[in-house]
Amino acid sequence: MVDTRPVYLRLREQIAAAIIDGRYAEGAMLPSVRAFAAEQGANPLTVAKAYQQFQTDGLIRVQRGVGMFVREGAATKLKASEREAFLSEEWPAIRKRMERLGLDLAQLIERA
């Protein structure tokens, strides 16, 4: 399945996952825009747009001349918003597909 979302949203999701997973811990410095762009093979302006959204959401702070840092509580806030997005946007489609295929939760747990 091809991901058709804009690149900056995919990068944002990747960074959010890293914050939630603790790869970028609270207080830790994020990679520079240029470094992250090079690592991902993305345009620096696209990475800057993803970072800007984190700043707007209050999840990172910018220290001029030094870098961007993950704010305290960012992982908790991101996890809550990701959970809500999953339950409201993804879960209904998954549940419908399960019903269509005749799958129930017990069968899924059994396979896990």
Protein backbone atom coordinates (compact mmCIF):
# COMPACT_ATOMS: atom_id res chain seq x y z
CA MET A 1 0.00 0.00 0.00
CA VAL A 2 1.41 3.37 -1.06
CA ASP A 3 1.33 6.19 1.47
CA THR A 4 -0.17 9.18 -0.34
CA ARG A 5 0.08 11.63 2.55
CA PRO A 6 2.33 14.67 2.10
CA VAL A 7 5.98 14.01 2.94
CA TYR A 8 6.00 16.49 5.84
CA LEU A 9 3.18 14.54 7.53
CA ARG A 10 5.05 11.26 7.11
CA LEU A 11 8.19 12.87 8.57
CA ARG A 12 6.15 14.33 11.41
CA GLU A 13 4.76 10.87 12.18
CA GLN A 14 8.26 9.41 12.16
CA ILE A 15 9.53 12.07 14.58
CA ALA A 16 6.45 11.66 16.81
CA ALA A 17 7.05 7.90 16.98
CA ALA A 18 10.68 8.52 17.96
CA ILE A 19 9.58 10.87 20.75
CA ILE A 20 6.92 8.43 22.00
CA ASP A 21 9.41 5.53 21.85
CA GLY A 22 12.01 7.57 23.75
CA ARG A 23 14.57 7.73 20.96
CA TYR A 24 14.28 11.51 21.35
CA ALA A 25 13.84 11.82 25.10
CA GLU A 26 12.36 14.84 26.85
CA GLY A 27 15.01 17.54 26.95
CA ALA A 28 16.99 15.89 24.15
CA MET A 29 18.08 17.84 21.12
CA LEU A 30 16.49 16.90 17.81
CA PRO A 31 18.69 16.49 14.75
CA SER A 32 19.14 19.71 12.82
CA VAL A 33 16.81 20.30 9.88
CA ARG A 34 19.66 19.71 7.43
CA ALA A 35 20.91 16.57 9.18
CA PHE A 36 17.43 15.03 9.38
CA ALA A 37 16.71 15.98 5.75
CA ALA A 38 19.94 14.32 4.59
CA GLU A 39 19.20 11.21 6.67
CA GLN A 40 15.69 10.91 5.21
CA GLY A 41 16.51 12.02 1.68
CA ALA A 42 14.02 14.87 2.05
CA ASN A 43 14.04 18.54 1.20
CA PRO A 44 15.15 20.68 4.21
CA LEU A 45 12.10 22.93 3.72
CA THR A 46 9.85 19.88 4.11
CA VAL A 47 11.62 18.89 7.34
CA ALA A 48 11.38 22.49 8.57
CA LYS A 49 7.61 22.36 7.97
CA ALA A 50 7.33 19.17 10.05
CA TYR A 51 9.43 20.70 12.85
CA GLN A 52 7.39 23.90 12.72
CA GLN A 53 4.23 21.91 13.45
CA PHE A 54 5.85 20.43 16.56
CA GLN A 55 6.84 23.93 17.67
CA THR A 56 3.31 25.26 17.03
CA ASP A 57 1.89 22.36 19.06
CA GLY A 58 4.24 23.20 21.96
CA LEU A 59 6.08 19.89 21.76
CA ILE A 60 9.54 21.29 21.04
CA ARG A 61 11.34 24.45 22.00
CA VAL A 62 13.90 26.31 19.94
CA GLN A 63 17.05 27.65 21.49
CA ARG A 64 18.43 30.14 18.97
CA GLY A 65 21.88 29.23 17.76
CA VAL A 66 21.81 25.89 19.58
CA GLY A 67 18.97 23.73 18.29
CA MET A 68 15.54 22.30 18.95
CA PHE A 69 14.72 20.33 22.06
CA VAL A 70 11.87 18.01 23.04
CA ARG A 71 9.72 19.65 25.70
CA GLU A 72 8.81 17.94 28.96
CA GLY A 73 5.53 16.09 28.59
CA ALA A 74 5.80 15.88 24.79
CA ALA A 75 5.74 12.06 24.72
CA THR A 76 2.63 11.90 26.91
CA LYS A 77 0.86 14.56 24.87
CA LEU A 78 1.79 12.88 21.58
CA LYS A 79 0.72 9.45 22.81
CA ALA A 80 -2.68 10.82 23.86
CA SER A 81 -3.26 12.53 20.51
CA GLU A 82 -2.03 9.49 18.54
CA ARG A 83 -4.32 7.24 20.58
CA GLU A 84 -7.30 9.50 19.93
CA ALA A 85 -6.51 9.69 16.20
CA PHE A 86 -6.28 5.90 16.02
CA LEU A 87 -9.58 5.37 17.81
CA SER A 88 -11.48 7.96 15.78
CA GLU A 89 -9.87 7.58 12.35
CA GLU A 90 -8.31 4.13 11.96
CA TRP A 91 -10.17 1.80 14.33
CA PRO A 92 -13.63 2.17 12.72
CA ALA A 93 -12.25 0.98 9.35
CA ILE A 94 -10.32 -1.87 11.00
CA ARG A 95 -13.42 -2.94 12.92
CA LYS A 96 -15.55 -2.93 9.74
CA ARG A 97 -12.95 -5.02 7.94
CA MET A 98 -12.82 -7.49 10.83
CA GLU A 99 -16.61 -7.83 10.72
CA ARG A 100 -16.56 -8.30 6.93
CA LEU A 101 -13.91 -11.05 7.28
CA GLY A 102 -15.66 -12.70 10.23
CA LEU A 103 -12.78 -12.05 12.61
CA ASP A 104 -13.20 -11.41 16.30
CA LEU A 105 -10.84 -10.02 18.90
CA ALA A 106 -10.16 -13.46 20.43
CA GLN A 107 -8.87 -14.74 17.07
CA LEU A 108 -6.55 -11.76 16.74
CA ILE A 109 -5.20 -12.18 20.25
CA GLU A 110 -4.68 -15.87 19.62
CA ARG A 111 -2.46 -15.05 16.61
CA ALA A 112 -0.44 -12.37 18.41
